[in-house]
Amino acid sequence: MQSSLYSSFLKTAFLIAPLVSCVSGSTMAQSGTGDLLFPGATKAATFDYRTELAQGYLKVYSATDEYDDGGLAYYTHSSYVIYATDGKLFKIVENHISRSDESPELVTLPAGSYLVIARSDRHGDVAIHVGIKASQLTVLDLDLEEGEGQRV
């Protein structure tokens, strides 16, 4: 009787010991300096978001669609798509938050070149190559008069 109790105790101890070791071992962290459990011991990676993820902004004044909200008309900007230079779809932009939102959406994009396909009131569907520069807003007004061009 005593040997089976002792055997049961040993089995339990051998099962619990690795579990305790794993749990207590995971709370220790060691940085390059060798300090243990010191909050300042680990350093964040040196990552400069301004140079590595330079972003700019795009606002597109596309064709508007009328939405009648009980006698009150709203003119929301139509959606458009953005393609990367390799021809792959980059983003679909709804271009309004709700049916009563008349402001075009401000889109954040990594700096680079894109193809924007949108609907214009005057010209129908248009495809425009656009360059996004870091920290700059590019505004496309698809219904400007001839020669007025794009505002940057």
N, C-alpha and C. Protein backbone atom coordinates (compact mmCIF):
# COMPACT_ATOMS: atom_id res chain seq x y z
N MET A 1 0.82 -1.19 0.00
CA MET A 1 0.00 0.00 0.00
C MET A 1 0.87 1.25 0.00
N GLN A 2 1.92 1.21 0.82
CA GLN A 2 2.78 2.37 0.93
C GLN A 2 3.57 2.60 -0.36
N SER A 3 3.99 1.55 -1.03
CA SER A 3 4.75 1.72 -2.26
C SER A 3 3.88 2.28 -3.39
N SER A 4 2.61 1.93 -3.45
CA SER A 4 1.74 2.50 -4.49
C SER A 4 1.47 3.98 -4.21
N LEU A 5 1.37 4.36 -2.95
CA LEU A 5 1.19 5.76 -2.59
C LEU A 5 2.44 6.55 -2.94
N TYR A 6 3.60 5.97 -2.64
CA TYR A 6 4.87 6.61 -2.96
C TYR A 6 5.03 6.73 -4.49
N SER A 7 4.66 5.71 -5.21
CA SER A 7 4.74 5.71 -6.68
C SER A 7 3.82 6.77 -7.26
N SER A 8 2.64 6.89 -6.73
CA SER A 8 1.68 7.90 -7.18
C SER A 8 2.21 9.31 -6.93
N PHE A 9 2.82 9.49 -5.75
CA PHE A 9 3.41 10.79 -5.41
C PHE A 9 4.54 11.15 -6.37
N LEU A 10 5.41 10.20 -6.70
CA LEU A 10 6.52 10.45 -7.63
C LEU A 10 6.01 10.80 -9.03
N LYS A 11 5.00 10.10 -9.50
CA LYS A 11 4.43 10.38 -10.82
C LYS A 11 3.88 11.81 -10.86
N THR A 12 3.17 12.19 -9.81
CA THR A 12 2.62 13.54 -9.74
C THR A 12 3.72 14.58 -9.71
N ALA A 13 4.75 14.33 -8.96
CA ALA A 13 5.87 15.28 -8.86
C ALA A 13 6.57 15.42 -10.21
N PHE A 14 6.78 14.30 -10.90
CA PHE A 14 7.44 14.35 -12.20
C PHE A 14 6.57 15.06 -13.25
N LEU A 15 5.28 15.06 -13.10
CA LEU A 15 4.38 15.77 -14.02
C LEU A 15 4.32 17.26 -13.70
N ILE A 16 4.35 17.60 -12.41
CA ILE A 16 4.23 19.00 -12.00
C ILE A 16 5.53 19.76 -12.18
N ALA A 17 6.67 19.12 -11.95
CA ALA A 17 7.96 19.80 -12.02
C ALA A 17 8.20 20.44 -13.40
N PRO A 18 8.01 19.76 -14.52
CA PRO A 18 8.22 20.43 -15.82
C PRO A 18 7.23 21.57 -16.05
N LEU A 19 6.01 21.40 -15.56
CA LEU A 19 5.01 22.46 -15.72
C LEU A 19 5.43 23.71 -14.97
N VAL A 20 5.89 23.56 -13.74
CA VAL A 20 6.35 24.69 -12.94
C VAL A 20 7.56 25.33 -13.60
N SER A 21 8.45 24.51 -14.13
CA SER A 21 9.64 25.02 -14.80
C SER A 21 9.27 25.85 -16.02
N CYS A 22 8.31 25.39 -16.79
CA CYS A 22 7.88 26.13 -17.99
C CYS A 22 7.24 27.46 -17.62
N VAL A 23 6.37 27.42 -16.64
CA VAL A 23 5.65 28.64 -16.25
C VAL A 23 6.61 29.66 -15.66
N SER A 24 7.48 29.24 -14.77
CA SER A 24 8.39 30.21 -14.17
C SER A 24 9.46 30.65 -15.14
N GLY A 25 9.84 29.81 -16.08
CA GLY A 25 10.86 30.18 -17.05
C GLY A 25 10.37 31.22 -18.05
N SER A 26 9.08 31.27 -18.32
CA SER A 26 8.57 32.20 -19.31
C SER A 26 8.49 33.63 -18.80
N THR A 27 8.62 33.82 -17.49
CA THR A 27 8.54 35.17 -16.96
C THR A 27 9.88 35.89 -17.01
N MET A 28 10.93 35.19 -17.30
CA MET A 28 12.25 35.81 -17.34
C MET A 28 12.56 36.24 -18.76
N ALA A 29 13.12 37.43 -18.89
CA ALA A 29 13.51 37.93 -20.20
C ALA A 29 14.94 38.40 -20.13
N GLN A 30 15.68 38.12 -21.16
CA GLN A 30 17.06 38.53 -21.17
C GLN A 30 17.32 39.34 -22.44
N SER A 31 17.89 40.50 -22.26
CA SER A 31 18.21 41.35 -23.40
C SER A 31 19.67 41.15 -23.75
N GLY A 32 20.12 41.95 -24.69
CA GLY A 32 21.51 41.88 -25.09
C GLY A 32 22.47 42.28 -23.99
N THR A 33 21.99 43.00 -22.97
CA THR A 33 22.87 43.44 -21.89
C THR A 33 23.01 42.40 -20.80
N GLY A 34 22.17 41.37 -20.79
CA GLY A 34 22.27 40.32 -19.78
C GLY A 34 21.47 40.61 -18.53
N ASP A 35 20.77 41.71 -18.44
CA ASP A 35 19.97 42.02 -17.26
C ASP A 35 18.67 41.23 -17.31
N LEU A 36 18.26 40.67 -16.16
CA LEU A 36 17.03 39.92 -16.09
C LEU A 36 15.92 40.74 -15.46
N LEU A 37 14.75 40.62 -16.01
CA LEU A 37 13.55 41.25 -15.46
C LEU A 37 13.73 42.74 -15.19
N PHE A 38 14.41 43.41 -16.05
CA PHE A 38 14.60 44.85 -15.92
C PHE A 38 13.90 45.51 -17.09
N PRO A 39 12.90 46.37 -16.83
CA PRO A 39 12.11 46.93 -17.92
C PRO A 39 12.92 47.66 -18.98
N GLY A 40 14.00 48.27 -18.59
CA GLY A 40 14.79 49.01 -19.57
C GLY A 40 15.79 48.15 -20.30
N ALA A 41 15.80 46.85 -20.01
CA ALA A 41 16.81 45.99 -20.60
C ALA A 41 16.57 45.73 -22.08
N THR A 42 15.32 45.66 -22.48
CA THR A 42 15.04 45.41 -23.89
C THR A 42 14.86 46.74 -24.60
N LYS A 43 15.33 46.80 -25.83
CA LYS A 43 15.22 48.02 -26.61
C LYS A 43 14.27 47.81 -27.77
N ALA A 44 13.53 48.82 -28.09
CA ALA A 44 12.69 48.76 -29.27
C ALA A 44 13.58 48.79 -30.49
N ALA A 45 13.12 48.15 -31.55
CA ALA A 45 13.90 48.14 -32.79
C ALA A 45 14.02 49.57 -33.31
N THR A 46 15.16 49.87 -33.88
CA THR A 46 15.33 51.20 -34.44
C THR A 46 14.58 51.25 -35.76
N PHE A 47 13.45 51.90 -35.76
CA PHE A 47 12.55 51.96 -36.90
C PHE A 47 12.12 53.40 -37.08
N ASP A 48 12.52 53.98 -38.18
CA ASP A 48 12.14 55.36 -38.46
C ASP A 48 10.97 55.35 -39.42
N TYR A 49 9.76 55.51 -38.88
CA TYR A 49 8.56 55.44 -39.71
C TYR A 49 8.52 56.52 -40.77
N ARG A 50 9.23 57.62 -40.55
CA ARG A 50 9.19 58.72 -41.52
C ARG A 50 9.91 58.36 -42.81
N THR A 51 10.93 57.53 -42.72
CA THR A 51 11.66 57.17 -43.93
C THR A 51 11.26 55.81 -44.46
N GLU A 52 10.93 54.88 -43.58
CA GLU A 52 10.62 53.54 -44.03
C GLU A 52 9.17 53.37 -44.44
N LEU A 53 8.28 54.12 -43.88
CA LEU A 53 6.87 54.07 -44.26
C LEU A 53 6.36 55.47 -44.56
N ALA A 54 7.04 56.15 -45.47
CA ALA A 54 6.63 57.50 -45.82
C ALA A 54 5.24 57.45 -46.42
N GLN A 55 4.34 58.25 -45.86
CA GLN A 55 2.95 58.23 -46.31
C GLN A 55 2.49 59.62 -46.73
N GLY A 56 1.60 59.63 -47.69
CA GLY A 56 0.96 60.85 -48.13
C GLY A 56 -0.54 60.65 -48.10
N TYR A 57 -1.25 61.63 -48.62
CA TYR A 57 -2.71 61.61 -48.51
C TYR A 57 -3.33 61.91 -49.87
N LEU A 58 -4.50 61.34 -50.10
CA LEU A 58 -5.23 61.53 -51.34
C LEU A 58 -6.69 61.83 -51.03
N LYS A 59 -7.21 62.84 -51.72
CA LYS A 59 -8.63 63.17 -51.62
C LYS A 59 -9.14 63.31 -53.05
N VAL A 60 -10.19 62.56 -53.40
CA VAL A 60 -10.72 62.55 -54.76
C VAL A 60 -12.15 63.08 -54.75
N TYR A 61 -12.35 64.18 -55.49
CA TYR A 61 -13.70 64.72 -55.68
C TYR A 61 -14.29 64.04 -56.91
N SER A 62 -14.89 62.88 -56.69
CA SER A 62 -15.49 62.09 -57.77
C SER A 62 -16.92 62.56 -58.01
N ALA A 63 -17.58 61.93 -58.99
CA ALA A 63 -18.97 62.26 -59.29
C ALA A 63 -19.82 62.05 -58.04
N THR A 64 -20.89 62.81 -57.94
CA THR A 64 -21.76 62.68 -56.77
C THR A 64 -23.05 61.96 -57.14
N ASP A 65 -23.59 61.27 -56.15
CA ASP A 65 -24.86 60.58 -56.28
C ASP A 65 -25.84 61.23 -55.31
N GLU A 66 -27.03 61.54 -55.80
CA GLU A 66 -28.04 62.19 -54.95
C GLU A 66 -28.71 61.15 -54.05
N TYR A 67 -28.86 61.52 -52.79
CA TYR A 67 -29.54 60.69 -51.82
C TYR A 67 -30.60 61.55 -51.15
N ASP A 68 -31.87 61.14 -51.29
CA ASP A 68 -32.99 61.89 -50.73
C ASP A 68 -33.32 61.33 -49.35
N ASP A 69 -33.13 62.14 -48.33
CA ASP A 69 -33.40 61.73 -46.97
C ASP A 69 -34.63 62.47 -46.45
N GLY A 70 -35.79 62.03 -46.90
CA GLY A 70 -37.04 62.64 -46.45
C GLY A 70 -37.19 64.08 -46.90
N GLY A 71 -36.91 64.38 -48.15
CA GLY A 71 -37.04 65.73 -48.67
C GLY A 71 -35.77 66.55 -48.60
N LEU A 72 -34.75 66.05 -47.95
CA LEU A 72 -33.47 66.73 -47.84
C LEU A 72 -32.47 65.97 -48.71
N ALA A 73 -31.92 66.63 -49.71
CA ALA A 73 -31.02 65.97 -50.66
C ALA A 73 -29.57 66.08 -50.20
N TYR A 74 -28.88 64.95 -50.27
CA TYR A 74 -27.45 64.90 -50.00
C TYR A 74 -26.76 64.41 -51.27
N TYR A 75 -25.54 64.89 -51.48
CA TYR A 75 -24.79 64.50 -52.67
C TYR A 75 -23.47 63.86 -52.22
N THR A 76 -23.47 62.55 -52.16
CA THR A 76 -22.29 61.82 -51.72
C THR A 76 -21.38 61.52 -52.91
N HIS A 77 -20.09 61.54 -52.65
CA HIS A 77 -19.12 61.25 -53.71
C HIS A 77 -19.09 59.74 -53.97
N SER A 78 -18.99 59.39 -55.25
CA SER A 78 -19.00 57.98 -55.65
C SER A 78 -17.67 57.31 -55.30
N SER A 79 -17.73 56.00 -55.18
CA SER A 79 -16.54 55.23 -54.82
C SER A 79 -15.57 55.16 -56.00
N TYR A 80 -14.32 54.78 -55.69
CA TYR A 80 -13.30 54.63 -56.72
C TYR A 80 -12.31 53.57 -56.29
N VAL A 81 -11.45 53.17 -57.22
CA VAL A 81 -10.45 52.15 -56.92
C VAL A 81 -9.05 52.69 -57.17
N ILE A 82 -8.11 52.14 -56.42
CA ILE A 82 -6.70 52.53 -56.55
C ILE A 82 -5.91 51.27 -56.89
N TYR A 83 -5.13 51.36 -57.96
CA TYR A 83 -4.27 50.26 -58.37
C TYR A 83 -2.81 50.65 -58.16
N ALA A 84 -2.00 49.67 -57.79
CA ALA A 84 -0.56 49.88 -57.67
C ALA A 84 0.05 49.88 -59.07
N THR A 85 1.31 50.26 -59.16
CA THR A 85 1.96 50.36 -60.48
C THR A 85 2.10 49.01 -61.16
N ASP A 86 2.07 47.92 -60.40
CA ASP A 86 2.16 46.60 -61.01
C ASP A 86 0.82 46.10 -61.53
N GLY A 87 -0.23 46.93 -61.41
CA GLY A 87 -1.55 46.59 -61.92
C GLY A 87 -2.44 45.87 -60.94
N LYS A 88 -1.95 45.59 -59.74
CA LYS A 88 -2.76 44.90 -58.74
C LYS A 88 -3.65 45.90 -58.00
N LEU A 89 -4.85 45.45 -57.67
CA LEU A 89 -5.77 46.28 -56.89
C LEU A 89 -5.14 46.58 -55.55
N PHE A 90 -5.05 47.87 -55.22
CA PHE A 90 -4.46 48.28 -53.94
C PHE A 90 -5.54 48.57 -52.91
N LYS A 91 -6.59 49.31 -53.32
CA LYS A 91 -7.62 49.69 -52.35
C LYS A 91 -8.90 50.10 -53.07
N ILE A 92 -10.03 49.78 -52.47
CA ILE A 92 -11.33 50.27 -52.91
C ILE A 92 -11.76 51.31 -51.88
N VAL A 93 -12.07 52.51 -52.37
CA VAL A 93 -12.43 53.61 -51.47
C VAL A 93 -13.91 53.93 -51.64
N GLU A 94 -14.66 53.83 -50.57
CA GLU A 94 -16.09 54.12 -50.59
C GLU A 94 -16.33 55.61 -50.85
N ASN A 95 -15.45 56.45 -50.37
CA ASN A 95 -15.43 57.91 -50.56
C ASN A 95 -16.51 58.67 -49.81
N HIS A 96 -17.12 58.04 -48.86
CA HIS A 96 -18.02 58.72 -47.93
C HIS A 96 -18.27 57.78 -46.75
N ILE A 97 -18.59 58.36 -45.61
CA ILE A 97 -18.81 57.56 -44.41
C ILE A 97 -20.24 57.05 -44.36
N SER A 98 -21.19 57.92 -44.71
CA SER A 98 -22.59 57.53 -44.72
C SER A 98 -23.27 58.16 -45.94
N ARG A 99 -24.51 57.80 -46.17
CA ARG A 99 -25.24 58.32 -47.34
C ARG A 99 -25.45 59.84 -47.25
N SER A 100 -25.35 60.41 -46.07
CA SER A 100 -25.54 61.85 -45.92
C SER A 100 -24.22 62.61 -45.81
N ASP A 101 -23.11 61.92 -46.03
CA ASP A 101 -21.78 62.54 -45.93
C ASP A 101 -21.39 63.09 -47.29
N GLU A 102 -21.24 64.39 -47.39
CA GLU A 102 -20.92 65.03 -48.67
C GLU A 102 -19.44 65.34 -48.84
N SER A 103 -18.61 64.96 -47.88
CA SER A 103 -17.17 65.20 -47.97
C SER A 103 -16.48 63.95 -48.49
N PRO A 104 -15.55 64.10 -49.43
CA PRO A 104 -14.81 62.92 -49.88
C PRO A 104 -13.87 62.42 -48.79
N GLU A 105 -13.61 61.15 -48.83
CA GLU A 105 -12.77 60.52 -47.81
C GLU A 105 -11.30 60.87 -48.00
N LEU A 106 -10.60 61.09 -46.90
CA LEU A 106 -9.16 61.32 -46.93
C LEU A 106 -8.49 59.96 -46.78
N VAL A 107 -7.68 59.58 -47.78
CA VAL A 107 -7.05 58.26 -47.81
C VAL A 107 -5.56 58.42 -47.55
N THR A 108 -5.02 57.60 -46.67
CA THR A 108 -3.60 57.58 -46.40
C THR A 108 -2.97 56.47 -47.23
N LEU A 109 -1.92 56.84 -47.99
CA LEU A 109 -1.25 55.88 -48.87
C LEU A 109 0.26 55.98 -48.69
N PRO A 110 0.96 54.88 -48.86
CA PRO A 110 2.43 54.96 -48.88
C PRO A 110 2.86 55.80 -50.08
N ALA A 111 3.93 56.54 -49.94
CA ALA A 111 4.42 57.37 -51.04
C ALA A 111 4.70 56.47 -52.24
N GLY A 112 4.35 56.96 -53.43
CA GLY A 112 4.56 56.17 -54.64
C GLY A 112 3.60 56.58 -55.72
N SER A 113 3.57 55.80 -56.79
CA SER A 113 2.70 56.06 -57.94
C SER A 113 1.54 55.09 -57.94
N TYR A 114 0.38 55.60 -58.34
CA TYR A 114 -0.84 54.80 -58.36
C TYR A 114 -1.67 55.17 -59.57
N LEU A 115 -2.62 54.29 -59.91
CA LEU A 115 -3.61 54.56 -60.93
C LEU A 115 -4.96 54.61 -60.23
N VAL A 116 -5.65 55.74 -60.37
CA VAL A 116 -6.96 55.93 -59.74
C VAL A 116 -8.01 55.85 -60.84
N ILE A 117 -9.00 55.00 -60.66
CA ILE A 117 -10.12 54.90 -61.59
C ILE A 117 -11.37 55.32 -60.84
N ALA A 118 -11.97 56.41 -61.33
CA ALA A 118 -13.12 56.99 -60.66
C ALA A 118 -14.13 57.48 -61.68
N ARG A 119 -15.30 57.86 -61.20
CA ARG A 119 -16.36 58.38 -62.07
C ARG A 119 -16.43 59.89 -61.94
N SER A 120 -16.44 60.55 -63.09
CA SER A 120 -16.55 62.00 -63.16
C SER A 120 -17.94 62.36 -63.68
N ASP A 121 -18.51 63.47 -63.20
CA ASP A 121 -19.81 63.91 -63.72
C ASP A 121 -19.72 64.31 -65.19
N ARG A 122 -18.62 64.93 -65.58
CA ARG A 122 -18.47 65.42 -66.96
C ARG A 122 -17.94 64.39 -67.94
N HIS A 123 -17.02 63.53 -67.48
CA HIS A 123 -16.28 62.67 -68.40
C HIS A 123 -16.53 61.18 -68.21
N GLY A 124 -17.44 60.81 -67.35
CA GLY A 124 -17.68 59.38 -67.09
C GLY A 124 -16.53 58.77 -66.31
N ASP A 125 -16.25 57.50 -66.60
CA ASP A 125 -15.14 56.83 -65.91
C ASP A 125 -13.82 57.35 -66.44
N VAL A 126 -12.93 57.71 -65.52
CA VAL A 126 -11.61 58.22 -65.89
C VAL A 126 -10.54 57.44 -65.13
N ALA A 127 -9.37 57.33 -65.77
CA ALA A 127 -8.21 56.70 -65.14
C ALA A 127 -7.11 57.74 -65.09
N ILE A 128 -6.60 58.00 -63.90
CA ILE A 128 -5.61 59.06 -63.71
C ILE A 128 -4.41 58.49 -62.95
N HIS A 129 -3.23 58.69 -63.51
CA HIS A 129 -2.00 58.33 -62.79
C HIS A 129 -1.71 59.45 -61.79
N VAL A 130 -1.43 59.06 -60.56
CA VAL A 130 -1.19 60.05 -59.52
C VAL A 130 0.04 59.64 -58.71
N GLY A 131 0.82 60.64 -58.35
CA GLY A 131 1.99 60.41 -57.50
C GLY A 131 1.70 60.93 -56.10
N ILE A 132 1.93 60.08 -55.12
CA ILE A 132 1.72 60.46 -53.72
C ILE A 132 3.09 60.74 -53.12
N LYS A 133 3.24 61.93 -52.57
CA LYS A 133 4.49 62.32 -51.91
C LYS A 133 4.31 62.26 -50.40
N ALA A 134 5.39 61.96 -49.71
CA ALA A 134 5.35 61.83 -48.26
C ALA A 134 4.88 63.12 -47.61
N SER A 135 3.97 63.00 -46.67
CA SER A 135 3.45 64.11 -45.85
C SER A 135 2.75 65.19 -46.66
N GLN A 136 2.32 64.88 -47.88
CA GLN A 136 1.61 65.87 -48.70
C GLN A 136 0.23 65.36 -49.08
N LEU A 137 -0.69 66.30 -49.22
CA LEU A 137 -2.04 65.99 -49.66
C LEU A 137 -2.14 66.22 -51.15
N THR A 138 -2.61 65.21 -51.88
CA THR A 138 -2.89 65.34 -53.30
C THR A 138 -4.40 65.34 -53.46
N VAL A 139 -4.93 66.36 -54.13
CA VAL A 139 -6.37 66.47 -54.34
C VAL A 139 -6.66 66.32 -55.82
N LEU A 140 -7.56 65.39 -56.14
CA LEU A 140 -8.01 65.22 -57.52
C LEU A 140 -9.45 65.70 -57.60
N ASP A 141 -9.67 66.75 -58.39
CA ASP A 141 -11.02 67.22 -58.65
C ASP A 141 -11.33 66.86 -60.09
N LEU A 142 -12.11 65.81 -60.29
CA LEU A 142 -12.32 65.25 -61.62
C LEU A 142 -13.18 66.11 -62.53
N ASP A 143 -13.80 67.14 -62.00
CA ASP A 143 -14.67 67.97 -62.82
C ASP A 143 -14.17 69.40 -62.95
N LEU A 144 -12.88 69.61 -62.80
CA LEU A 144 -12.32 70.94 -63.04
C LEU A 144 -12.40 71.26 -64.53
N GLU A 145 -12.42 72.53 -64.84
CA GLU A 145 -12.42 72.95 -66.24
C GLU A 145 -11.11 72.55 -66.89
N GLU A 146 -11.11 72.41 -68.20
CA GLU A 146 -9.91 72.07 -68.97
C GLU A 146 -8.80 73.05 -68.67
N GLY A 147 -7.61 72.54 -68.39
CA GLY A 147 -6.46 73.41 -68.13
C GLY A 147 -6.26 73.76 -66.68
N GLU A 148 -7.23 73.50 -65.82
CA GLU A 148 -7.06 73.79 -64.40
C GLU A 148 -6.20 72.75 -63.71
N GLY A 149 -6.21 71.52 -64.23
CA GLY A 149 -5.31 70.48 -63.73
C GLY A 149 -5.58 70.01 -62.33
N GLN A 150 -4.61 69.36 -61.79
CA GLN A 150 -4.72 68.75 -60.46
C GLN A 150 -4.07 69.66 -59.42
N ARG A 151 -4.72 69.74 -58.27
CA ARG A 151 -4.15 70.53 -57.16
C ARG A 151 -3.32 69.62 -56.28
N VAL A 152 -2.15 70.12 -55.87
CA VAL A 152 -1.29 69.34 -54.97
C VAL A 152 -1.04 70.15 -53.73
